[in-house]
């Protein structure tokens, strides 16, 4: 099979690493990829949002399957683009069409979907700019803390937890009246704050059947002890000790099955991954959000634990034959530590030479924000630069090994957390 992988982050390097191991993979192309994916296949420097260029590449390279890593091409309709063209529609695209991608592309849509299909989630109300007075009145009666969510995609920055009503009023005005998150905050969801511990659950579906992948927990805050600003993710652990058989059964029965059945009832075709961000509230799961792709850095912890041929699973999704497919899972713990640029998640510099990659032992390195110069040197090209993943029988040992190898990686201004998983062990 010839496979085209869309994206350029750590998630995509993990996918490329896993797909390249498949006996069914003849050629792997990554658009645009990074310095790490170049070791798994061939990078092609095209914009994932240029669907015409993507389709030309798919035809030129006789692509048999397209896997879409990030959310924006899905929300913008890359799957629909392939289905709408007679010369492309035979190529399966793993990722939902525009209708299914609204689960991530619109917080209001996803909340209404959950309400309609009786999927447990936090109480909420949605407001637009023209409803600002009603929104401010609503805040006056809302219990604290108050969660504000931009309706659209905001690069992971559109959620604000407000500890006071005055802060909530200021932030709501900034979002609705001053376009704090651009078009993403033309609508704002005001949501109940759920107390508990977070969990990421991943489902792969062909629109009818599904398989549940290993769960994970990620760590968003920049500072140790989960302090400071939110990031795209500073590390992750899989499996999660509190996600026992009883909790996972509740998640499947109350959330996963109603989600798959809800998509069918709403006549929304869906082939691809569903990432369900959950809150474990005293043993009961509530949905915080849906994503319509795998998470990052959770993918870097989840995929190394999957022993089955991933490309076989993706092929079954594309063909609608996922029913009966079984996953073989490594029982060991995978712990991922993300190494970031100095200043991240604020302003940071790019183009810093990276050294020490060859000194990493007994860990996997997934490139997230890297590139290569003409001399073949590996350079930083993003806020999150590298992800170090280790597997061990003991979770503490997996984290310790990833931390030790993160120390061996060097570039000007590098930073990483040493306490990933601190709340679980």
Protein backbone atom coordinates (compact mmCIF):
# COMPACT_ATOMS: atom_id res chain seq x y z
CA UNK A 1 0.00 0.00 0.00
CA UNK A 2 1.02 3.58 -0.65
CA UNK A 3 0.03 5.78 2.30
CA UNK A 4 -0.22 9.56 2.59
CA UNK A 5 -0.01 10.99 6.12
CA UNK A 6 -1.09 14.61 6.61
CA UNK A 7 0.61 16.70 9.31
CA UNK A 8 3.95 17.73 10.81
CA UNK A 9 3.88 17.23 14.58
CA UNK A 10 4.80 14.64 17.19
CA UNK A 11 1.52 12.83 16.62
CA UNK A 12 2.35 12.46 12.93
CA UNK A 13 5.88 11.20 13.63
CA UNK A 14 4.37 8.55 15.94
CA UNK A 15 1.92 7.57 13.19
CA UNK A 16 4.71 7.46 10.60
CA UNK A 17 6.89 5.33 12.91
CA UNK A 18 4.04 2.86 13.44
CA UNK A 19 2.81 2.70 9.84
CA UNK A 20 6.35 2.19 8.49
CA UNK A 21 6.52 -1.05 10.53
CA UNK A 22 3.55 -2.56 8.68
CA UNK A 23 4.19 -5.39 6.22
CA UNK A 24 1.49 -3.77 4.06
CA UNK A 25 3.28 -0.42 3.70
CA UNK A 26 5.13 -0.07 0.41
CA UNK A 27 5.61 3.71 0.37
CA UNK A 28 4.84 6.32 3.02
CA UNK A 29 4.57 10.02 2.16
CA UNK A 30 4.19 12.72 4.83
CA UNK A 31 2.89 16.19 3.98
CA UNK A 32 4.69 18.23 5.10
CA UNK A 33 6.35 16.17 7.86
CA UNK A 34 9.36 17.07 9.98
CA UNK A 35 12.97 15.95 10.54
CA UNK A 36 11.77 12.81 12.33
CA UNK A 37 9.17 11.68 9.81
CA UNK A 38 11.86 11.91 7.12
CA UNK A 39 13.39 8.79 8.69
CA UNK A 40 10.13 6.84 8.27
CA UNK A 41 9.11 7.85 4.76
CA UNK A 42 9.35 10.71 2.30
CA UNK A 43 8.42 14.26 3.32
CA UNK A 44 6.57 16.31 0.72
CA UNK A 45 6.58 20.10 1.32
CA UNK A 46 2.94 20.94 0.64
CA UNK A 47 0.35 22.77 2.74
CA UNK A 48 -2.19 20.34 4.27
CA UNK A 49 -4.91 22.97 3.68
CA UNK A 50 -4.16 23.12 -0.06
CA UNK A 51 -6.53 20.30 -0.97
CA UNK A 52 -5.78 20.61 -4.67
CA UNK A 53 -2.07 20.04 -4.05
CA UNK A 54 -2.84 17.14 -1.69
CA UNK A 55 -5.08 15.51 -4.31
CA UNK A 56 -2.46 15.93 -7.04
CA UNK A 57 0.08 14.20 -4.79
CA UNK A 58 -2.39 11.40 -4.04
CA UNK A 59 -2.94 10.73 -7.74
CA UNK A 60 0.72 11.11 -8.71
CA UNK A 61 1.93 8.67 -6.04
CA UNK A 62 -1.01 6.24 -6.50
CA UNK A 63 -2.01 6.62 -2.86
CA UNK A 64 -4.20 3.84 -1.43
CA UNK A 65 -5.05 5.48 1.91
CA UNK A 66 -4.88 8.99 3.42
CA UNK A 67 -4.52 9.47 7.19
CA UNK A 68 -5.22 13.00 8.44
CA UNK A 69 -3.36 13.86 11.65
CA UNK A 70 -4.43 17.41 12.65
CA UNK A 71 -7.94 18.80 13.05
CA UNK A 72 -7.95 21.83 10.75
CA UNK A 73 -7.93 19.97 7.41
CA UNK A 74 -10.82 17.84 8.72
CA UNK A 75 -12.86 20.82 9.91
CA UNK A 76 -12.27 22.47 6.53
CA UNK A 77 -13.51 19.38 4.71
CA UNK A 78 -10.60 17.43 3.23
CA UNK A 79 -12.60 14.17 3.41
CA UNK A 80 -15.53 15.79 1.58
CA UNK A 81 -13.12 17.09 -1.07
CA UNK A 82 -11.93 13.58 -1.89
CA UNK A 83 -15.48 12.17 -1.95
CA UNK A 84 -16.66 14.97 -4.25
CA UNK A 85 -14.17 14.12 -7.03
CA UNK A 86 -14.65 11.02 -9.18
CA UNK A 87 -10.89 10.51 -9.58
CA UNK A 88 -10.32 10.66 -5.79
CA UNK A 89 -13.34 9.11 -4.09
CA UNK A 90 -11.89 5.59 -4.33
CA UNK A 91 -9.10 6.64 -1.92
CA UNK A 92 -10.19 6.15 1.74
CA UNK A 93 -9.54 9.17 3.94
CA UNK A 94 -9.20 8.32 7.64
CA UNK A 95 -10.87 11.27 9.28
CA UNK A 96 -14.48 12.51 9.29
CA UNK A 97 -16.10 14.84 6.79
CA UNK A 98 -17.01 18.41 7.66
CA UNK A 99 -20.28 17.33 9.36
CA UNK A 100 -18.56 14.92 11.76
CA UNK A 101 -15.63 17.30 12.33
CA UNK A 102 -18.07 19.78 13.89
CA UNK A 103 -17.75 17.67 17.05
CA UNK A 104 -14.42 19.44 17.47
CA UNK A 105 -14.94 22.47 15.24
CA UNK A 106 -17.91 23.79 17.25
CA UNK A 107 -18.18 23.47 21.03
CA UNK A 108 -21.85 24.46 20.83
CA UNK A 109 -22.57 21.75 18.24
CA UNK A 110 -20.84 19.10 20.36
CA UNK A 111 -22.75 20.16 23.51
CA UNK A 112 -26.06 19.98 21.64
CA UNK A 113 -25.04 16.58 20.25
CA UNK A 114 -24.34 15.29 23.77
CA UNK A 115 -27.57 16.73 25.12
CA UNK A 116 -29.58 15.19 22.26
CA UNK A 117 -28.08 11.75 22.82
CA UNK A 118 -28.04 11.89 26.62
CA UNK A 119 -24.27 11.71 26.94
CA UNK A 120 -23.12 12.98 30.37
CA UNK A 121 -21.45 16.39 30.22
CA UNK A 122 -21.33 19.67 32.16
CA UNK A 123 -24.38 21.98 32.16
CA UNK A 124 -23.94 24.92 29.75
CA UNK A 125 -25.41 27.86 27.85
CA UNK A 126 -24.22 29.42 24.57
CA UNK A 127 -24.19 33.13 23.74
CA UNK A 128 -23.36 35.33 20.72
CA UNK A 129 -22.30 38.97 20.54
CA UNK A 130 -25.90 40.14 20.20
CA UNK A 131 -26.73 38.32 23.43
CA UNK A 132 -24.02 39.94 25.55
CA UNK A 133 -26.43 41.44 28.11
CA UNK A 134 -28.15 38.09 28.68
CA UNK A 135 -24.73 36.44 28.91
CA UNK A 136 -23.53 38.86 31.59
CA UNK A 137 -26.76 38.36 33.55
CA UNK A 138 -26.25 34.60 33.30
CA UNK A 139 -22.76 34.94 34.81
CA UNK A 140 -24.22 36.69 37.86
CA UNK A 141 -26.15 33.54 38.77
CA UNK A 142 -23.49 31.00 37.76
CA UNK A 143 -21.58 29.08 40.45
CA UNK A 144 -17.80 29.54 40.60
CA UNK A 145 -15.46 28.71 38.96
CA UNK A 146 -16.91 29.55 35.53
CA UNK A 147 -15.61 27.91 32.35
CA UNK A 148 -15.67 29.93 29.12
CA UNK A 149 -15.06 28.16 25.81
CA UNK A 150 -14.65 29.74 22.38
CA UNK A 151 -17.01 27.87 20.06
CA UNK A 152 -14.53 27.35 17.20
CA UNK A 153 -10.95 26.16 16.80
CA UNK A 154 -8.54 28.33 18.79
CA UNK A 155 -5.31 26.33 18.65
CA UNK A 156 -5.94 24.87 22.09
CA UNK A 157 -6.13 28.31 23.73
CA UNK A 158 -9.88 28.94 23.66
CA UNK A 159 -10.78 27.67 27.16
CA UNK A 160 -10.61 29.98 30.20
CA UNK A 161 -11.41 28.94 33.78
CA UNK A 162 -12.49 32.03 35.73
CA UNK A 163 -12.24 32.07 39.53
CA UNK A 164 -14.40 35.19 39.97
CA UNK A 165 -17.47 36.63 38.26
CA UNK A 166 -15.60 39.84 37.54
CA UNK A 167 -12.88 37.91 35.70
CA UNK A 168 -15.60 35.98 33.84
CA UNK A 169 -17.32 39.22 32.80
CA UNK A 170 -14.05 40.71 31.50
CA UNK A 171 -13.08 37.56 29.61
CA UNK A 172 -16.54 37.11 28.12
CA UNK A 173 -16.52 40.69 26.84
CA UNK A 174 -13.02 40.19 25.42
CA UNK A 175 -14.16 37.05 23.61
CA UNK A 176 -17.53 38.23 22.27
CA UNK A 177 -16.99 41.97 21.80
CA UNK A 178 -13.23 42.21 21.13
CA UNK A 179 -12.73 38.93 19.23
CA UNK A 180 -10.05 37.70 21.65
CA UNK A 181 -9.88 34.43 19.69
CA UNK A 182 -10.95 35.85 16.34
CA UNK A 183 -13.83 34.13 14.58
CA UNK A 184 -13.53 31.22 17.04
CA UNK A 185 -15.17 33.32 19.79
CA UNK A 186 -18.10 34.68 17.77
CA UNK A 187 -20.01 32.23 20.00
CA UNK A 188 -19.00 31.39 23.56
CA UNK A 189 -20.08 28.39 25.62
CA UNK A 190 -20.44 29.15 29.34
CA UNK A 191 -20.03 25.88 31.18
CA UNK A 192 -20.24 24.35 34.64
CA UNK A 193 -16.85 23.56 36.16
CA UNK A 194 -16.41 19.82 36.76
CA UNK A 195 -14.27 18.80 39.72
CA UNK A 196 -12.32 15.59 39.23
CA UNK A 197 -9.38 14.09 37.36
CA UNK A 198 -9.02 14.13 33.59
CA UNK A 199 -8.67 11.17 31.27
CA UNK A 200 -8.24 10.85 27.50
CA UNK A 201 -10.05 7.98 25.75
CA UNK A 202 -9.54 7.10 22.08
CA UNK A 203 -11.88 5.29 19.72
CA UNK A 204 -11.33 4.19 16.12
CA UNK A 205 -14.55 3.72 14.14
CA UNK A 206 -15.68 2.91 10.61
CA UNK A 207 -19.01 4.59 11.35
CA UNK A 208 -20.65 1.36 12.47
CA UNK A 209 -18.21 -0.70 14.55
CA UNK A 210 -15.44 0.60 16.78
CA UNK A 211 -12.36 -0.41 18.75
CA UNK A 212 -11.17 1.33 21.90
CA UNK A 213 -7.48 2.17 21.98
CA UNK A 214 -5.40 2.46 25.17
CA UNK A 215 -6.38 5.39 27.36
CA UNK A 216 -3.93 8.11 28.46
CA UNK A 217 -3.56 11.14 30.69
CA UNK A 218 -1.84 14.26 29.47
CA UNK A 219 -0.33 17.20 31.32
CA UNK A 220 -1.14 20.63 29.91
CA UNK A 221 0.42 23.11 32.31
CA UNK A 222 3.91 24.43 31.60
CA UNK A 223 5.08 24.25 35.23
CA UNK A 224 5.76 21.29 37.48
CA UNK A 225 2.93 20.40 39.84
CA UNK A 226 0.53 21.46 37.06
CA UNK A 227 1.16 25.17 37.49
CA UNK A 228 1.44 28.06 35.05
CA UNK A 229 0.03 28.54 31.58
CA UNK A 230 -1.73 25.93 29.49
CA UNK A 231 0.23 24.39 26.62
CA UNK A 232 -0.47 21.92 23.85
CA UNK A 233 0.78 19.23 26.23
CA UNK A 234 3.98 18.69 28.22
CA UNK A 235 3.76 14.91 28.55
CA UNK A 236 1.46 11.92 28.89
CA UNK A 237 1.15 8.49 30.49
CA UNK A 238 -0.63 5.31 29.34
CA UNK A 239 -2.25 3.27 30.87
CA UNK A 240 -3.89 5.31 33.63
CA UNK A 241 -4.10 3.54 37.02
CA UNK A 242 -7.55 4.86 38.01
CA UNK A 243 -9.06 3.83 34.66
CA UNK A 244 -10.01 0.41 36.00
CA UNK A 245 -12.40 -2.07 34.41
CA UNK A 246 -15.45 -0.58 36.16
CA UNK A 247 -14.74 2.99 34.99
CA UNK A 248 -13.90 1.90 31.44
CA UNK A 249 -17.17 -0.07 31.28
CA UNK A 250 -19.10 3.06 32.29
CA UNK A 251 -17.23 5.08 29.66
CA UNK A 252 -18.05 2.56 26.96
CA UNK A 253 -21.70 2.16 27.89
CA UNK A 254 -22.53 5.79 28.74
CA UNK A 255 -20.30 7.65 26.27
CA UNK A 256 -18.65 5.61 23.51
CA UNK A 257 -21.69 3.60 22.37
CA UNK A 258 -24.12 6.58 22.56
CA UNK A 259 -21.59 8.67 20.58
CA UNK A 260 -21.31 6.09 17.75
CA UNK A 261 -25.08 5.50 17.77
CA UNK A 262 -25.74 9.25 17.91
CA UNK A 263 -23.66 9.83 14.78
CA UNK A 264 -25.67 7.13 13.00
CA UNK A 265 -29.02 8.56 14.18
CA UNK A 266 -27.98 12.01 13.01
CA UNK A 267 -26.90 10.48 9.66
CA UNK A 268 -23.35 11.77 10.06
CA UNK A 269 -20.86 9.44 8.29
CA UNK A 270 -17.73 9.02 10.38
CA UNK A 271 -14.54 7.09 9.59
CA UNK A 272 -11.62 7.84 11.85
CA UNK A 273 -10.54 8.58 15.40
CA UNK A 274 -12.64 10.10 18.17
CA UNK A 275 -10.70 11.53 21.10
CA UNK A 276 -12.96 11.89 24.13
CA UNK A 277 -11.64 14.20 26.83
CA UNK A 278 -13.26 13.09 30.08
CA UNK A 279 -13.54 14.09 33.70
CA UNK A 280 -13.66 11.26 36.23
CA UNK A 281 -16.00 12.73 38.83
CA UNK A 282 -16.08 10.39 41.82
CA UNK A 283 -16.11 7.35 39.56
CA UNK A 284 -18.57 8.72 37.00
CA UNK A 285 -17.33 9.90 33.58
CA UNK A 286 -18.39 13.22 32.00
CA UNK A 287 -17.34 14.48 28.57
CA UNK A 288 -15.33 17.69 28.58
CA UNK A 289 -14.79 17.75 24.82
CA UNK A 290 -14.55 15.73 21.64
CA UNK A 291 -11.62 15.89 19.23
CA UNK A 292 -11.92 14.30 15.80
CA UNK A 293 -8.32 13.04 15.68
CA UNK A 294 -5.75 11.58 18.04
CA UNK A 295 -4.30 13.76 20.77
CA UNK A 296 -0.77 15.08 21.03
CA UNK A 297 1.28 14.08 23.05
CA UNK A 298 -1.04 11.19 23.99
CA UNK A 299 -0.46 9.53 20.60
CA UNK A 300 3.23 9.23 21.47
CA UNK A 301 2.25 7.18 24.55
CA UNK A 302 -0.65 5.22 23.01
CA UNK A 303 0.82 3.99 19.71
CA UNK A 304 3.97 2.40 21.23
CA UNK A 305 1.63 0.19 23.31
CA UNK A 306 -0.32 -1.08 20.27
CA UNK A 307 1.28 -4.30 19.06
CA UNK A 308 -1.22 -4.90 16.23
CA UNK A 309 -0.58 -3.75 12.66
CA UNK A 310 -2.00 -0.21 12.64
CA UNK A 311 -2.25 -0.07 8.86
CA UNK A 312 -4.47 -3.18 8.86
CA UNK A 313 -6.81 -1.39 11.27
CA UNK A 314 -6.86 1.79 9.17
CA UNK A 315 -7.52 -0.23 6.04
CA UNK A 316 -10.47 -1.91 7.80
CA UNK A 317 -11.84 1.52 8.73
CA UNK A 318 -11.61 2.67 5.12
CA UNK A 319 -13.36 -0.49 3.88
CA UNK A 320 -15.99 -0.50 6.63
CA UNK A 321 -14.82 -3.90 7.92
CA UNK A 322 -13.64 -2.97 11.41
CA UNK A 323 -16.06 -5.34 13.15
CA UNK A 324 -14.22 -8.24 14.73
CA UNK A 325 -10.80 -6.58 14.58
CA UNK A 326 -8.82 -7.14 17.76
CA UNK A 327 -6.09 -5.02 19.35
CA UNK A 328 -3.01 -6.48 20.98
CA UNK A 329 -1.78 -4.15 23.70
CA UNK A 330 1.59 -4.03 25.48
CA UNK A 331 0.78 -4.13 29.23
CA UNK A 332 3.77 -1.94 30.10
CA UNK A 333 3.44 1.77 30.90
CA UNK A 334 4.49 4.30 28.27
CA UNK A 335 5.56 7.70 29.59
CA UNK A 336 6.18 10.67 27.30
CA UNK A 337 8.11 13.81 28.24
CA UNK A 338 7.91 16.77 25.86
CA UNK A 339 10.95 19.02 25.39
CA UNK A 340 9.98 22.58 24.45
CA UNK A 341 11.55 25.84 23.30
CA UNK A 342 12.43 28.51 25.84
CA UNK A 343 9.55 30.97 26.24
CA UNK A 344 6.87 28.48 25.19
CA UNK A 345 3.83 28.73 25.35
CA UNK A 346 4.59 32.41 24.80
CA UNK A 347 7.02 33.81 22.23
CA UNK A 348 10.01 31.62 21.38
CA UNK A 349 12.82 31.53 18.84
CA UNK A 350 13.21 28.93 16.09
CA UNK A 351 16.22 27.59 14.22
CA UNK A 352 18.23 26.40 17.24
CA UNK A 353 20.56 23.45 16.43
CA UNK A 354 19.63 20.25 18.27
CA UNK A 355 22.31 17.90 19.59
CA UNK A 356 22.29 14.70 21.63
CA UNK A 357 19.76 12.76 19.56
CA UNK A 358 22.26 9.94 19.06
CA UNK A 359 22.86 9.65 22.82
CA UNK A 360 19.29 8.63 23.64
CA UNK A 361 19.16 5.02 24.90
CA UNK A 362 16.15 2.73 25.46
CA UNK A 363 13.63 5.44 24.56
CA UNK A 364 11.77 6.54 21.44
CA UNK A 365 12.23 10.07 20.12
CA UNK A 366 9.29 11.63 18.28
CA UNK A 367 9.95 14.93 16.54
CA UNK A 368 7.24 17.56 17.05
CA UNK A 369 8.66 20.91 15.92
CA UNK A 370 11.84 20.22 13.97
CA UNK A 371 13.29 20.77 10.53
CA UNK A 372 16.57 20.15 8.71
CA UNK A 373 18.87 22.71 7.13
CA UNK A 374 20.78 22.17 3.88
CA UNK A 375 23.67 20.60 5.77
CA UNK A 376 21.32 18.03 7.31
CA UNK A 377 21.45 19.52 10.81
CA UNK A 378 18.32 19.12 12.94
CA UNK A 379 16.88 22.50 14.03
CA UNK A 380 14.02 23.61 16.26
CA UNK A 381 10.94 24.76 14.34
CA UNK A 382 8.19 25.01 16.96
CA UNK A 383 7.24 25.44 20.59
CA UNK A 384 7.05 21.74 21.31
CA UNK A 385 10.22 20.34 19.78
CA UNK A 386 10.73 16.68 20.78
CA UNK A 387 8.83 13.99 22.69
CA UNK A 388 10.71 11.26 24.56
CA UNK A 389 8.75 8.05 25.20
CA UNK A 390 9.86 5.12 27.35
CA UNK A 391 8.17 1.84 28.24
CA UNK A 392 8.62 -0.05 31.49
CA UNK A 393 6.82 -2.53 33.74
CA UNK A 394 6.79 0.18 36.41
CA UNK A 395 5.34 3.56 35.53
CA UNK A 396 7.86 5.42 37.69
CA UNK A 397 10.73 3.80 35.79
CA UNK A 398 9.22 4.77 32.43
CA UNK A 399 9.00 8.41 33.52
CA UNK A 400 12.51 8.36 34.99
CA UNK A 401 13.99 6.98 31.77
CA UNK A 402 12.23 9.59 29.63
CA UNK A 403 13.42 12.36 31.94
CA UNK A 404 16.99 11.05 31.85
CA UNK A 405 17.00 10.94 28.05
CA UNK A 406 15.40 14.39 27.84
CA UNK A 407 18.43 15.66 29.77
CA UNK A 408 20.68 14.31 26.98
CA UNK A 409 18.92 16.38 24.31
CA UNK A 410 20.29 19.86 23.88
CA UNK A 411 19.33 23.11 22.19
CA UNK A 412 19.45 26.70 23.35
CA UNK A 413 16.64 27.41 25.84
CA UNK A 414 15.28 23.85 26.11
CA UNK A 415 12.83 23.09 28.91
CA UNK A 416 10.87 20.04 30.05
CA UNK A 417 8.88 18.87 33.06
CA UNK A 418 10.41 16.20 35.31
CA UNK A 419 7.15 15.31 37.10
CA UNK A 420 4.93 13.81 34.37
CA UNK A 421 2.62 11.29 36.05
CA UNK A 422 3.33 12.73 39.51
CA UNK A 423 -0.34 12.53 40.53
CA UNK A 424 -0.80 8.89 39.50
CA UNK A 425 1.99 6.96 41.24
